[in-house]
Amino acid sequence: MNEKIKELKMCYKKLFGEGIYSKCYIEVTDRDEIVLSANKEGLLLLVEEIITLCENEQLGSHYHLDGAGMANKCDKPLVIQLIKAPWQND
């Protein structure tokens, strides 16, 4: 699995590069439920961050989506965190 994650990260960087960051738009809105909305570039940036969490493999690693971070608009901060599933015995 680790090798596939590394390949995925390399493919992402090759396909999108650094130019994607300036085109990102991400918002987190608090309605009846938390809604994560983004343009294509913003969703791709989130994919990169999720790949990075998987690549690091450290339980508890997390990514903050808030007004101080990558979100352009944020009604309520959102955290994406790497955890172990109940059935995993590592």
C-alpha atoms as a PDB file:
ATOM      1  CA  MET A   1       0.000   0.000   0.000  1.00  0.00           C
ATOM      2  CA  ASN A   2       2.817   2.425   0.845  1.00  0.00           C
ATOM      3  CA  GLU A   3       4.328   2.064  -2.618  1.00  0.00           C
ATOM      4  CA  LYS A   4       0.975   2.851  -4.235  1.00  0.00           C
ATOM      5  CA  ILE A   5       0.572   5.937  -2.054  1.00  0.00           C
ATOM      6  CA  LYS A   6       4.022   7.182  -3.133  1.00  0.00           C
ATOM      7  CA  GLU A   7       3.173   6.572  -6.796  1.00  0.00           C
ATOM      8  CA  LEU A   8      -0.101   8.432  -6.357  1.00  0.00           C
ATOM      9  CA  LYS A   9       1.708  11.399  -4.819  1.00  0.00           C
ATOM     10  CA  MET A  10       4.251  11.479  -7.673  1.00  0.00           C
ATOM     11  CA  CYS A  11       1.474  11.304 -10.293  1.00  0.00           C
ATOM     12  CA  TYR A  12      -0.401  14.129  -8.569  1.00  0.00           C
ATOM     13  CA  LYS A  13       2.652  16.393  -8.542  1.00  0.00           C
ATOM     14  CA  LYS A  14       3.452  15.555 -12.170  1.00  0.00           C
ATOM     15  CA  LEU A  15      -0.111  16.214 -13.350  1.00  0.00           C
ATOM     16  CA  PHE A  16      -0.915  19.357 -11.378  1.00  0.00           C
ATOM     17  CA  GLY A  17       2.287  20.920 -10.047  1.00  0.00           C
ATOM     18  CA  GLU A  18       2.341  24.073  -7.936  1.00  0.00           C
ATOM     19  CA  GLY A  19       0.129  26.146 -10.245  1.00  0.00           C
ATOM     20  CA  ILE A  20      -3.019  24.557  -8.878  1.00  0.00           C
ATOM     21  CA  TYR A  21      -2.756  26.391  -5.543  1.00  0.00           C
ATOM     22  CA  SER A  22      -3.514  29.847  -6.918  1.00  0.00           C
ATOM     23  CA  LYS A  23      -6.764  28.611  -8.483  1.00  0.00           C
ATOM     24  CA  CYS A  24      -8.194  26.843  -5.409  1.00  0.00           C
ATOM     25  CA  TYR A  25     -11.432  27.809  -3.760  1.00  0.00           C
ATOM     26  CA  ILE A  26     -12.649  25.914  -0.682  1.00  0.00           C
ATOM     27  CA  GLU A  27     -15.417  26.739   1.754  1.00  0.00           C
ATOM     28  CA  VAL A  28     -16.844  25.046   4.833  1.00  0.00           C
ATOM     29  CA  THR A  29     -20.403  26.083   5.649  1.00  0.00           C
ATOM     30  CA  ASP A  30     -22.489  25.271   8.703  1.00  0.00           C
ATOM     31  CA  ARG A  31     -26.124  24.789   7.759  1.00  0.00           C
ATOM     32  CA  ASP A  32     -28.183  21.875   9.048  1.00  0.00           C
ATOM     33  CA  GLU A  33     -24.989  19.921   8.404  1.00  0.00           C
ATOM     34  CA  ILE A  34     -21.369  20.762   7.692  1.00  0.00           C
ATOM     35  CA  VAL A  35     -20.918  21.233   3.932  1.00  0.00           C
ATOM     36  CA  LEU A  36     -17.497  21.118   2.305  1.00  0.00           C
ATOM     37  CA  SER A  37     -17.612  22.831  -1.097  1.00  0.00           C
ATOM     38  CA  ALA A  38     -14.793  23.517  -3.522  1.00  0.00           C
ATOM     39  CA  ASN A  39     -13.995  24.156  -7.153  1.00  0.00           C
ATOM     40  CA  LYS A  40     -12.113  21.452  -9.087  1.00  0.00           C
ATOM     41  CA  GLU A  41      -8.725  22.792  -8.055  1.00  0.00           C
ATOM     42  CA  GLY A  42      -9.803  22.983  -4.425  1.00  0.00           C
ATOM     43  CA  LEU A  43     -11.002  19.377  -4.445  1.00  0.00           C
ATOM     44  CA  LEU A  44      -7.724  18.294  -6.019  1.00  0.00           C
ATOM     45  CA  LEU A  45      -5.821  20.132  -3.284  1.00  0.00           C
ATOM     46  CA  LEU A  46      -7.845  18.243  -0.673  1.00  0.00           C
ATOM     47  CA  VAL A  47      -6.944  14.998  -2.436  1.00  0.00           C
ATOM     48  CA  GLU A  48      -3.273  15.950  -2.133  1.00  0.00           C
ATOM     49  CA  GLU A  49      -3.652  16.662   1.578  1.00  0.00           C
ATOM     50  CA  ILE A  50      -5.396  13.325   2.132  1.00  0.00           C
ATOM     51  CA  ILE A  51      -2.633  11.523   0.215  1.00  0.00           C
ATOM     52  CA  THR A  52      -0.095  13.276   2.456  1.00  0.00           C
ATOM     53  CA  LEU A  53      -1.921  12.082   5.582  1.00  0.00           C
ATOM     54  CA  CYS A  54      -1.808   8.523   4.248  1.00  0.00           C
ATOM     55  CA  GLU A  55       1.834   8.887   3.268  1.00  0.00           C
ATOM     56  CA  ASN A  56       2.875   9.985   6.778  1.00  0.00           C
ATOM     57  CA  GLU A  57       1.117   6.988   8.374  1.00  0.00           C
ATOM     58  CA  GLN A  58       1.119   8.574  11.824  1.00  0.00           C
ATOM     59  CA  LEU A  59      -2.165   8.046  13.633  1.00  0.00           C
ATOM     60  CA  GLY A  60      -3.511  11.372  14.747  1.00  0.00           C
ATOM     61  CA  SER A  61      -1.979  13.225  11.785  1.00  0.00           C
ATOM     62  CA  HIS A  62      -4.497  15.779  10.687  1.00  0.00           C
ATOM     63  CA  TYR A  63      -5.278  18.657   8.362  1.00  0.00           C
ATOM     64  CA  HIS A  64      -7.189  21.770   9.402  1.00  0.00           C
ATOM     65  CA  LEU A  65      -9.665  23.383   7.071  1.00  0.00           C
ATOM     66  CA  ASP A  66     -10.354  26.788   8.568  1.00  0.00           C
ATOM     67  CA  GLY A  67     -10.166  30.479   7.799  1.00  0.00           C
ATOM     68  CA  ALA A  68      -6.513  30.621   8.851  1.00  0.00           C
ATOM     69  CA  GLY A  69      -5.627  27.697   6.608  1.00  0.00           C
ATOM     70  CA  MET A  70      -6.697  26.646   3.138  1.00  0.00           C
ATOM     71  CA  ALA A  71     -10.420  27.474   3.342  1.00  0.00           C
ATOM     72  CA  ASN A  72     -11.441  30.687   1.587  1.00  0.00           C
ATOM     73  CA  LYS A  73     -14.678  30.796   3.562  1.00  0.00           C
ATOM     74  CA  CYS A  74     -15.214  28.938   6.822  1.00  0.00           C
ATOM     75  CA  ASP A  75     -18.288  29.027   9.058  1.00  0.00           C
ATOM     76  CA  LYS A  76     -17.015  26.162  11.206  1.00  0.00           C
ATOM     77  CA  PRO A  77     -13.482  24.692  11.304  1.00  0.00           C
ATOM     78  CA  LEU A  78     -13.132  21.152   9.962  1.00  0.00           C
ATOM     79  CA  VAL A  79     -10.366  18.674  10.768  1.00  0.00           C
ATOM     80  CA  ILE A  80      -9.476  15.652   8.612  1.00  0.00           C
ATOM     81  CA  GLN A  81      -7.640  13.096  10.762  1.00  0.00           C
ATOM     82  CA  LEU A  82      -5.966   9.735  10.146  1.00  0.00           C
ATOM     83  CA  ILE A  83      -7.208   7.067  12.558  1.00  0.00           C
ATOM     84  CA  LYS A  84      -7.092   3.288  12.854  1.00  0.00           C
ATOM     85  CA  ALA A  85     -10.265   1.336  12.088  1.00  0.00           C
ATOM     86  CA  PRO A  86     -11.621  -0.736  15.006  1.00  0.00           C
ATOM     87  CA  TRP A  87     -10.710  -3.987  13.231  1.00  0.00           C
ATOM     88  CA  GLN A  88      -7.055  -3.041  12.618  1.00  0.00           C
ATOM     89  CA  ASN A  89      -4.649  -4.631  15.097  1.00  0.00           C
ATOM     90  CA  ASP A  90      -1.309  -2.901  14.503  1.00  0.00           C
END
